[in-house]
N, C-alpha and C. Protein backbone atom coordinates (compact mmCIF):
# COMPACT_ATOMS: atom_id res chain seq x y z
N MET A 1 -6.14 -66.09 101.82
CA MET A 1 -6.89 -67.32 101.89
C MET A 1 -8.35 -67.09 101.50
N LYS A 2 -8.92 -65.92 101.88
CA LYS A 2 -10.31 -65.63 101.54
C LYS A 2 -10.51 -65.58 100.04
N SER A 3 -9.53 -65.04 99.30
CA SER A 3 -9.68 -64.95 97.85
C SER A 3 -9.70 -66.34 97.21
N LYS A 4 -8.93 -67.29 97.75
CA LYS A 4 -8.94 -68.66 97.24
C LYS A 4 -10.29 -69.32 97.50
N THR A 5 -10.86 -69.07 98.67
CA THR A 5 -12.16 -69.62 99.01
C THR A 5 -13.24 -69.06 98.09
N ARG A 6 -13.18 -67.73 97.85
CA ARG A 6 -14.14 -67.10 96.94
C ARG A 6 -14.00 -67.64 95.53
N LEU A 7 -12.74 -67.83 95.10
CA LEU A 7 -12.49 -68.36 93.76
C LEU A 7 -13.06 -69.77 93.64
N ALA A 8 -12.81 -70.60 94.65
CA ALA A 8 -13.33 -71.97 94.64
C ALA A 8 -14.85 -71.97 94.63
N ALA A 9 -15.46 -71.12 95.43
CA ALA A 9 -16.93 -71.04 95.47
C ALA A 9 -17.47 -70.56 94.13
N GLY A 10 -16.79 -69.59 93.52
CA GLY A 10 -17.21 -69.10 92.21
C GLY A 10 -17.11 -70.17 91.14
N LEU A 11 -16.03 -70.94 91.16
CA LEU A 11 -15.86 -72.03 90.19
C LEU A 11 -16.91 -73.11 90.40
N LEU A 12 -17.22 -73.44 91.65
CA LEU A 12 -18.24 -74.43 91.95
C LEU A 12 -19.59 -73.96 91.43
N LEU A 13 -19.95 -72.72 91.68
CA LEU A 13 -21.22 -72.17 91.22
C LEU A 13 -21.28 -72.18 89.70
N ALA A 14 -20.21 -71.79 89.02
CA ALA A 14 -20.19 -71.79 87.57
C ALA A 14 -20.35 -73.20 87.03
N GLY A 15 -19.72 -74.16 87.69
CA GLY A 15 -19.85 -75.56 87.27
C GLY A 15 -21.26 -76.08 87.43
N LEU A 16 -21.91 -75.71 88.55
CA LEU A 16 -23.28 -76.14 88.76
C LEU A 16 -24.22 -75.52 87.74
N MET A 17 -23.98 -74.28 87.37
CA MET A 17 -24.83 -73.62 86.38
C MET A 17 -24.67 -74.24 85.00
N ALA A 18 -23.51 -74.85 84.73
CA ALA A 18 -23.28 -75.45 83.42
C ALA A 18 -23.85 -76.85 83.31
N MET A 19 -24.29 -77.44 84.45
CA MET A 19 -24.85 -78.78 84.42
C MET A 19 -26.20 -78.77 83.71
N PRO A 20 -26.60 -79.90 83.12
CA PRO A 20 -27.91 -79.97 82.47
C PRO A 20 -29.04 -79.73 83.46
N ALA A 21 -30.11 -79.13 82.97
CA ALA A 21 -31.27 -78.91 83.82
C ALA A 21 -31.85 -80.26 84.22
N GLN A 22 -32.16 -80.41 85.50
CA GLN A 22 -32.71 -81.66 85.97
C GLN A 22 -34.00 -81.38 86.71
N ALA A 23 -35.04 -82.12 86.35
CA ALA A 23 -36.32 -81.99 87.04
C ALA A 23 -36.50 -83.24 87.89
N GLY A 24 -36.70 -83.06 89.17
CA GLY A 24 -36.91 -84.20 90.05
C GLY A 24 -35.71 -85.13 90.10
N GLY A 25 -34.50 -84.60 89.90
CA GLY A 25 -33.31 -85.43 89.96
C GLY A 25 -33.04 -86.23 88.70
N GLU A 26 -33.77 -85.97 87.64
CA GLU A 26 -33.59 -86.69 86.38
C GLU A 26 -32.94 -85.81 85.33
N VAL A 27 -32.04 -86.38 84.55
CA VAL A 27 -31.45 -85.68 83.41
C VAL A 27 -32.51 -85.63 82.31
N ASP A 28 -32.76 -84.47 81.77
CA ASP A 28 -33.73 -84.31 80.69
C ASP A 28 -33.26 -85.09 79.45
N ALA A 29 -34.19 -85.64 78.71
CA ALA A 29 -33.85 -86.44 77.52
C ALA A 29 -33.00 -85.66 76.52
N ASP A 30 -33.19 -84.36 76.44
CA ASP A 30 -32.41 -83.55 75.51
C ASP A 30 -30.99 -83.27 76.01
N ASP A 31 -30.71 -83.58 77.28
CA ASP A 31 -29.41 -83.26 77.87
C ASP A 31 -28.53 -84.47 78.14
N VAL A 32 -28.93 -85.64 77.69
CA VAL A 32 -28.14 -86.85 77.91
C VAL A 32 -26.83 -86.74 77.13
N VAL A 33 -25.72 -87.10 77.78
CA VAL A 33 -24.40 -87.00 77.17
C VAL A 33 -23.89 -88.40 76.83
N PHE A 34 -23.55 -88.60 75.56
CA PHE A 34 -22.98 -89.85 75.07
C PHE A 34 -21.48 -89.66 74.89
N ASN A 35 -20.71 -90.71 75.16
CA ASN A 35 -19.28 -90.65 74.85
C ASN A 35 -19.07 -91.08 73.40
N GLU A 36 -17.82 -91.11 72.96
CA GLU A 36 -17.51 -91.42 71.55
C GLU A 36 -17.90 -92.84 71.16
N ASP A 37 -18.13 -93.72 72.14
CA ASP A 37 -18.53 -95.09 71.85
C ASP A 37 -20.04 -95.29 71.92
N GLY A 38 -20.80 -94.21 72.07
CA GLY A 38 -22.26 -94.31 72.16
C GLY A 38 -22.75 -94.74 73.53
N GLU A 39 -21.89 -94.65 74.53
CA GLU A 39 -22.26 -95.03 75.88
C GLU A 39 -22.73 -93.81 76.66
N VAL A 40 -23.60 -94.05 77.63
CA VAL A 40 -24.02 -93.01 78.57
C VAL A 40 -23.46 -93.42 79.92
N VAL A 41 -22.36 -92.80 80.30
CA VAL A 41 -21.63 -93.18 81.51
C VAL A 41 -22.37 -92.74 82.77
N ALA A 42 -22.88 -91.53 82.79
CA ALA A 42 -23.54 -90.98 83.98
C ALA A 42 -24.98 -91.49 84.08
N ALA A 43 -25.37 -91.86 85.29
CA ALA A 43 -26.75 -92.28 85.53
C ALA A 43 -27.69 -91.12 85.22
N LEU A 44 -28.90 -91.45 84.82
CA LEU A 44 -29.90 -90.44 84.47
C LEU A 44 -30.67 -89.94 85.68
N THR A 45 -30.53 -90.63 86.79
CA THR A 45 -31.27 -90.28 88.01
C THR A 45 -30.36 -90.39 89.22
N ALA A 46 -30.79 -89.76 90.31
CA ALA A 46 -30.07 -89.88 91.56
C ALA A 46 -30.37 -91.23 92.22
N GLU A 47 -31.55 -91.78 91.97
CA GLU A 47 -31.95 -93.08 92.52
C GLU A 47 -31.40 -94.19 91.64
N PRO A 48 -30.74 -95.17 92.23
CA PRO A 48 -30.23 -96.29 91.42
C PRO A 48 -31.38 -97.06 90.77
N GLY A 49 -31.08 -97.73 89.68
CA GLY A 49 -32.09 -98.55 89.02
C GLY A 49 -32.50 -99.73 89.88
N ASN A 50 -33.75 -100.16 89.72
CA ASN A 50 -34.31 -101.27 90.46
C ASN A 50 -34.60 -102.39 89.46
N ALA A 51 -33.88 -103.50 89.58
CA ALA A 51 -33.99 -104.60 88.61
C ALA A 51 -35.38 -105.21 88.58
N GLU A 52 -36.03 -105.30 89.72
CA GLU A 52 -37.38 -105.88 89.77
C GLU A 52 -38.37 -105.02 88.97
N ARG A 53 -38.30 -103.71 89.18
CA ARG A 53 -39.17 -102.80 88.40
C ARG A 53 -38.77 -102.85 86.93
N GLY A 54 -37.46 -102.92 86.66
CA GLY A 54 -36.98 -102.98 85.28
C GLY A 54 -37.51 -104.19 84.54
N ARG A 55 -37.60 -105.31 85.24
CA ARG A 55 -38.17 -106.53 84.64
C ARG A 55 -39.62 -106.28 84.22
N GLU A 56 -40.37 -105.54 85.05
CA GLU A 56 -41.76 -105.21 84.72
C GLU A 56 -41.84 -104.30 83.48
N TRP A 57 -40.99 -103.27 83.43
CA TRP A 57 -41.01 -102.36 82.27
C TRP A 57 -40.61 -103.14 81.02
N PHE A 58 -39.62 -104.01 81.15
CA PHE A 58 -39.11 -104.79 80.03
C PHE A 58 -40.21 -105.62 79.38
N GLN A 59 -41.03 -106.27 80.18
CA GLN A 59 -42.04 -107.18 79.65
C GLN A 59 -43.38 -106.52 79.39
N ASN A 60 -43.55 -105.27 79.79
CA ASN A 60 -44.82 -104.58 79.62
C ASN A 60 -45.07 -104.32 78.13
N ARG A 61 -46.10 -104.93 77.60
CA ARG A 61 -46.40 -104.84 76.16
C ARG A 61 -46.86 -103.45 75.74
N LYS A 62 -47.25 -102.61 76.68
CA LYS A 62 -47.71 -101.26 76.34
C LYS A 62 -46.69 -100.19 76.68
N LEU A 63 -45.51 -100.59 77.14
CA LEU A 63 -44.51 -99.61 77.51
C LEU A 63 -43.18 -99.93 76.82
N GLY A 64 -42.35 -100.73 77.44
CA GLY A 64 -41.08 -101.08 76.82
C GLY A 64 -41.26 -102.02 75.65
N ASN A 65 -42.06 -103.06 75.87
CA ASN A 65 -42.36 -104.07 74.85
C ASN A 65 -41.09 -104.69 74.26
N CYS A 66 -40.08 -104.85 75.09
CA CYS A 66 -38.81 -105.40 74.63
C CYS A 66 -38.95 -106.82 74.09
N LEU A 67 -39.91 -107.58 74.65
CA LEU A 67 -40.10 -108.97 74.20
C LEU A 67 -40.62 -109.06 72.78
N ALA A 68 -41.12 -107.98 72.23
CA ALA A 68 -41.59 -108.01 70.85
C ALA A 68 -40.45 -108.31 69.88
N CYS A 69 -39.23 -107.97 70.29
CA CYS A 69 -38.07 -108.15 69.42
C CYS A 69 -36.99 -109.07 70.00
N HIS A 70 -36.97 -109.25 71.32
CA HIS A 70 -35.86 -109.96 71.96
C HIS A 70 -36.31 -111.22 72.69
N GLN A 71 -35.53 -112.28 72.55
CA GLN A 71 -35.69 -113.52 73.32
C GLN A 71 -35.01 -113.31 74.67
N ASN A 72 -35.60 -113.89 75.72
CA ASN A 72 -35.03 -113.75 77.05
C ASN A 72 -35.55 -114.91 77.90
N ASP A 73 -34.69 -115.86 78.22
CA ASP A 73 -35.10 -117.04 78.98
C ASP A 73 -35.63 -116.70 80.37
N ASP A 74 -35.21 -115.58 80.96
CA ASP A 74 -35.69 -115.18 82.27
C ASP A 74 -37.19 -114.96 82.27
N LEU A 75 -37.75 -114.64 81.13
CA LEU A 75 -39.19 -114.38 81.01
C LEU A 75 -39.85 -115.46 80.14
N ALA A 76 -39.41 -116.70 80.29
CA ALA A 76 -39.92 -117.81 79.48
C ALA A 76 -41.43 -117.98 79.63
N GLU A 77 -41.99 -117.57 80.78
CA GLU A 77 -43.43 -117.71 80.99
C GLU A 77 -44.24 -116.74 80.13
N GLN A 78 -43.59 -115.73 79.59
CA GLN A 78 -44.27 -114.75 78.74
C GLN A 78 -44.33 -115.26 77.30
N PRO A 79 -45.47 -115.15 76.64
CA PRO A 79 -45.58 -115.63 75.25
C PRO A 79 -44.99 -114.64 74.25
N PHE A 80 -44.74 -115.14 73.07
CA PHE A 80 -44.41 -114.31 71.90
C PHE A 80 -43.13 -113.50 72.02
N HIS A 81 -42.04 -114.18 72.26
CA HIS A 81 -40.74 -113.50 72.23
C HIS A 81 -40.35 -113.30 70.77
N GLY A 82 -39.87 -112.12 70.45
CA GLY A 82 -39.49 -111.82 69.09
C GLY A 82 -38.10 -112.34 68.74
N GLU A 83 -37.80 -112.30 67.47
CA GLU A 83 -36.49 -112.74 66.98
C GLU A 83 -35.83 -111.70 66.10
N VAL A 84 -36.35 -110.48 66.10
CA VAL A 84 -35.79 -109.41 65.28
C VAL A 84 -34.49 -108.90 65.88
N GLY A 85 -34.49 -108.68 67.20
CA GLY A 85 -33.30 -108.21 67.90
C GLY A 85 -32.50 -109.37 68.45
N PRO A 86 -31.31 -109.09 68.94
CA PRO A 86 -30.47 -110.16 69.48
C PRO A 86 -31.07 -110.77 70.76
N GLU A 87 -30.74 -112.02 71.00
CA GLU A 87 -31.13 -112.69 72.25
C GLU A 87 -30.45 -111.96 73.40
N LEU A 88 -31.17 -111.78 74.50
CA LEU A 88 -30.63 -111.02 75.62
C LEU A 88 -30.10 -111.88 76.76
N ASN A 89 -30.16 -113.19 76.62
CA ASN A 89 -29.54 -114.06 77.61
C ASN A 89 -28.05 -113.76 77.63
N GLY A 90 -27.51 -113.46 78.81
CA GLY A 90 -26.09 -113.15 78.94
C GLY A 90 -25.68 -111.76 78.50
N VAL A 91 -26.64 -110.87 78.27
CA VAL A 91 -26.31 -109.53 77.79
C VAL A 91 -25.41 -108.77 78.77
N ALA A 92 -25.54 -109.05 80.08
CA ALA A 92 -24.72 -108.37 81.08
C ALA A 92 -23.25 -108.77 80.97
N ASP A 93 -22.99 -109.93 80.37
CA ASP A 93 -21.60 -110.36 80.18
C ASP A 93 -21.00 -109.75 78.91
N ARG A 94 -21.83 -109.24 78.05
CA ARG A 94 -21.36 -108.70 76.77
C ARG A 94 -21.24 -107.18 76.75
N TYR A 95 -22.00 -106.49 77.60
CA TYR A 95 -22.04 -105.03 77.58
C TYR A 95 -21.83 -104.46 78.98
N SER A 96 -21.23 -103.29 79.05
CA SER A 96 -21.08 -102.57 80.31
C SER A 96 -22.38 -101.85 80.65
N THR A 97 -22.47 -101.37 81.87
CA THR A 97 -23.62 -100.58 82.29
C THR A 97 -23.80 -99.36 81.37
N ALA A 98 -22.70 -98.66 81.10
CA ALA A 98 -22.76 -97.46 80.26
C ALA A 98 -23.22 -97.79 78.84
N ALA A 99 -22.77 -98.92 78.31
CA ALA A 99 -23.18 -99.32 76.95
C ALA A 99 -24.66 -99.67 76.92
N LEU A 100 -25.13 -100.43 77.91
CA LEU A 100 -26.55 -100.78 77.96
C LEU A 100 -27.42 -99.54 78.12
N ARG A 101 -26.98 -98.60 78.96
CA ARG A 101 -27.74 -97.36 79.13
C ARG A 101 -27.81 -96.60 77.80
N GLY A 102 -26.71 -96.53 77.09
CA GLY A 102 -26.68 -95.85 75.80
C GLY A 102 -27.63 -96.48 74.79
N ILE A 103 -27.65 -97.82 74.76
CA ILE A 103 -28.53 -98.54 73.83
C ILE A 103 -29.99 -98.27 74.14
N VAL A 104 -30.35 -98.33 75.41
CA VAL A 104 -31.75 -98.10 75.79
C VAL A 104 -32.15 -96.64 75.58
N VAL A 105 -31.28 -95.72 75.94
CA VAL A 105 -31.59 -94.30 75.79
C VAL A 105 -31.80 -93.94 74.33
N ASN A 106 -30.83 -94.23 73.48
CA ASN A 106 -30.93 -93.85 72.07
C ASN A 106 -30.12 -94.84 71.23
N SER A 107 -30.78 -95.88 70.79
CA SER A 107 -30.12 -96.93 70.01
C SER A 107 -29.54 -96.42 68.70
N LYS A 108 -30.06 -95.33 68.20
CA LYS A 108 -29.56 -94.77 66.93
C LYS A 108 -28.13 -94.25 67.09
N ILE A 109 -27.80 -93.75 68.28
CA ILE A 109 -26.44 -93.28 68.57
C ILE A 109 -25.58 -94.46 69.02
N ALA A 110 -26.11 -95.28 69.92
CA ALA A 110 -25.32 -96.35 70.53
C ALA A 110 -25.04 -97.51 69.58
N LEU A 111 -25.98 -97.82 68.69
CA LEU A 111 -25.82 -98.96 67.79
C LEU A 111 -25.61 -98.51 66.35
N SER A 112 -26.68 -98.00 65.75
CA SER A 112 -26.62 -97.59 64.35
C SER A 112 -27.88 -96.80 64.00
N GLU A 113 -27.75 -95.85 63.11
CA GLU A 113 -28.93 -95.11 62.62
C GLU A 113 -29.94 -96.05 61.96
N GLU A 114 -29.45 -97.17 61.47
CA GLU A 114 -30.29 -98.12 60.73
C GLU A 114 -31.07 -99.08 61.62
N THR A 115 -30.78 -99.12 62.92
CA THR A 115 -31.44 -100.08 63.79
C THR A 115 -32.94 -99.83 63.85
N MET A 116 -33.70 -100.92 63.99
CA MET A 116 -35.14 -100.81 64.13
C MET A 116 -35.55 -100.51 65.58
N MET A 117 -34.61 -100.70 66.48
CA MET A 117 -34.91 -100.49 67.90
C MET A 117 -35.23 -99.02 68.15
N PRO A 118 -36.33 -98.78 68.86
CA PRO A 118 -36.65 -97.38 69.18
C PRO A 118 -35.69 -96.83 70.23
N SER A 119 -35.61 -95.54 70.29
CA SER A 119 -34.86 -94.86 71.34
C SER A 119 -35.85 -94.58 72.46
N PHE A 120 -35.60 -95.13 73.63
CA PHE A 120 -36.59 -95.07 74.69
C PHE A 120 -36.53 -93.82 75.54
N TYR A 121 -35.43 -93.05 75.45
CA TYR A 121 -35.36 -91.80 76.22
C TYR A 121 -34.89 -90.69 75.30
N ARG A 122 -35.77 -90.36 74.39
CA ARG A 122 -35.52 -89.34 73.38
C ARG A 122 -36.88 -88.73 73.04
N LYS A 123 -36.95 -87.44 72.94
CA LYS A 123 -38.24 -86.79 72.70
C LYS A 123 -38.70 -86.91 71.25
N THR A 124 -37.77 -87.04 70.33
CA THR A 124 -38.13 -87.18 68.92
C THR A 124 -37.67 -88.55 68.45
N ASN A 125 -38.59 -89.37 68.00
CA ASN A 125 -38.25 -90.74 67.63
C ASN A 125 -38.49 -91.05 66.16
N GLY A 126 -38.46 -90.07 65.33
CA GLY A 126 -38.55 -90.33 63.90
C GLY A 126 -39.92 -90.11 63.31
N ALA A 127 -40.06 -90.46 62.05
CA ALA A 127 -41.26 -90.16 61.28
C ALA A 127 -42.47 -90.96 61.73
N ARG A 128 -42.27 -92.15 62.30
CA ARG A 128 -43.40 -93.00 62.66
C ARG A 128 -43.68 -93.00 64.16
N THR A 129 -43.40 -91.92 64.83
CA THR A 129 -43.65 -91.83 66.26
C THR A 129 -45.15 -91.80 66.52
N ALA A 130 -45.61 -92.66 67.43
CA ALA A 130 -47.02 -92.69 67.79
C ALA A 130 -47.45 -91.34 68.35
N LYS A 131 -48.67 -90.96 68.07
CA LYS A 131 -49.19 -89.67 68.50
C LYS A 131 -49.05 -89.45 70.01
N ASP A 132 -49.27 -90.50 70.80
CA ASP A 132 -49.18 -90.39 72.25
C ASP A 132 -47.76 -90.09 72.73
N PHE A 133 -46.76 -90.36 71.88
CA PHE A 133 -45.37 -90.16 72.29
C PHE A 133 -44.71 -88.99 71.57
N LYS A 134 -45.49 -88.18 70.85
CA LYS A 134 -44.92 -87.03 70.17
C LYS A 134 -44.36 -86.05 71.20
N ASP A 135 -43.11 -85.69 71.03
CA ASP A 135 -42.40 -84.74 71.90
C ASP A 135 -42.22 -85.22 73.34
N LYS A 136 -42.29 -86.53 73.56
CA LYS A 136 -41.96 -87.06 74.88
C LYS A 136 -41.34 -88.44 74.72
N SER A 137 -40.60 -88.84 75.71
CA SER A 137 -39.91 -90.12 75.63
C SER A 137 -40.85 -91.28 75.97
N ILE A 138 -40.48 -92.46 75.52
CA ILE A 138 -41.27 -93.66 75.78
C ILE A 138 -41.14 -94.05 77.25
N LEU A 139 -39.91 -94.04 77.77
CA LEU A 139 -39.65 -94.34 79.17
C LEU A 139 -39.18 -93.08 79.89
N THR A 140 -39.37 -93.04 81.19
CA THR A 140 -38.80 -91.97 82.00
C THR A 140 -37.33 -92.30 82.26
N ALA A 141 -36.60 -91.35 82.77
CA ALA A 141 -35.20 -91.59 83.12
C ALA A 141 -35.10 -92.71 84.15
N GLN A 142 -36.00 -92.72 85.14
CA GLN A 142 -35.96 -93.76 86.17
C GLN A 142 -36.28 -95.13 85.56
N GLN A 143 -37.22 -95.18 84.65
CA GLN A 143 -37.53 -96.46 84.00
C GLN A 143 -36.35 -96.97 83.19
N VAL A 144 -35.61 -96.07 82.54
CA VAL A 144 -34.39 -96.48 81.82
C VAL A 144 -33.41 -97.10 82.80
N GLU A 145 -33.17 -96.43 83.93
CA GLU A 145 -32.24 -96.95 84.93
C GLU A 145 -32.71 -98.30 85.47
N ASP A 146 -34.02 -98.46 85.63
CA ASP A 146 -34.57 -99.73 86.10
C ASP A 146 -34.35 -100.84 85.06
N VAL A 147 -34.60 -100.56 83.80
CA VAL A 147 -34.40 -101.55 82.74
C VAL A 147 -32.93 -101.93 82.65
N VAL A 148 -32.04 -100.96 82.74
CA VAL A 148 -30.60 -101.25 82.70
C VAL A 148 -30.23 -102.14 83.89
N ALA A 149 -30.76 -101.84 85.07
CA ALA A 149 -30.48 -102.68 86.25
C ALA A 149 -30.96 -104.11 86.01
N TYR A 150 -32.11 -104.25 85.38
CA TYR A 150 -32.62 -105.59 85.05
C TYR A 150 -31.70 -106.29 84.04
N LEU A 151 -31.33 -105.59 82.98
CA LEU A 151 -30.46 -106.20 81.96
C LEU A 151 -29.15 -106.67 82.58
N LEU A 152 -28.67 -105.96 83.59
CA LEU A 152 -27.42 -106.34 84.25
C LEU A 152 -27.55 -107.64 85.06
N THR A 153 -28.78 -108.11 85.27
CA THR A 153 -28.98 -109.40 85.95
C THR A 153 -28.92 -110.56 84.97
N LEU A 154 -28.95 -110.28 83.67
CA LEU A 154 -29.01 -111.35 82.66
C LEU A 154 -27.59 -111.79 82.29
N LYS A 155 -27.08 -112.72 83.09
CA LYS A 155 -25.73 -113.25 82.89
C LYS A 155 -25.81 -114.70 82.42
N GLU A 156 -24.74 -115.17 81.78
CA GLU A 156 -24.67 -116.56 81.33
C GLU A 156 -24.62 -117.49 82.51
């Protein structure tokens, strides 16, 4: 029986060592795992997303700036909704949590290499990456989870 316990403990330890490095309970942007459909099934943080905070990140013109491209009736009081990206009213009825997380994390994998949407949790964002965001993501892992929680409130 002791050998089975040792084997189980050894397998558990090996499994933990194979997990992505996490700082402060967050999956590093370089370690995010996408499935074959471009979805990110596993949460990026131990703390669940907060929809109220996500709404703030979503409308923040200096951070997410999602309104620059997307219409969203929930934020009708905010000026200058864009029309480049799809309307987000009812987005929670069209996409799963994993699909929305994949789109926010890295739209180039989840949607298409050709999309204009930036990848919000990726350290390298292409040739036109702003100097302030060179080698770091636009949003933190927790902010991604918060935005996804907010998007999940947008139902028809």
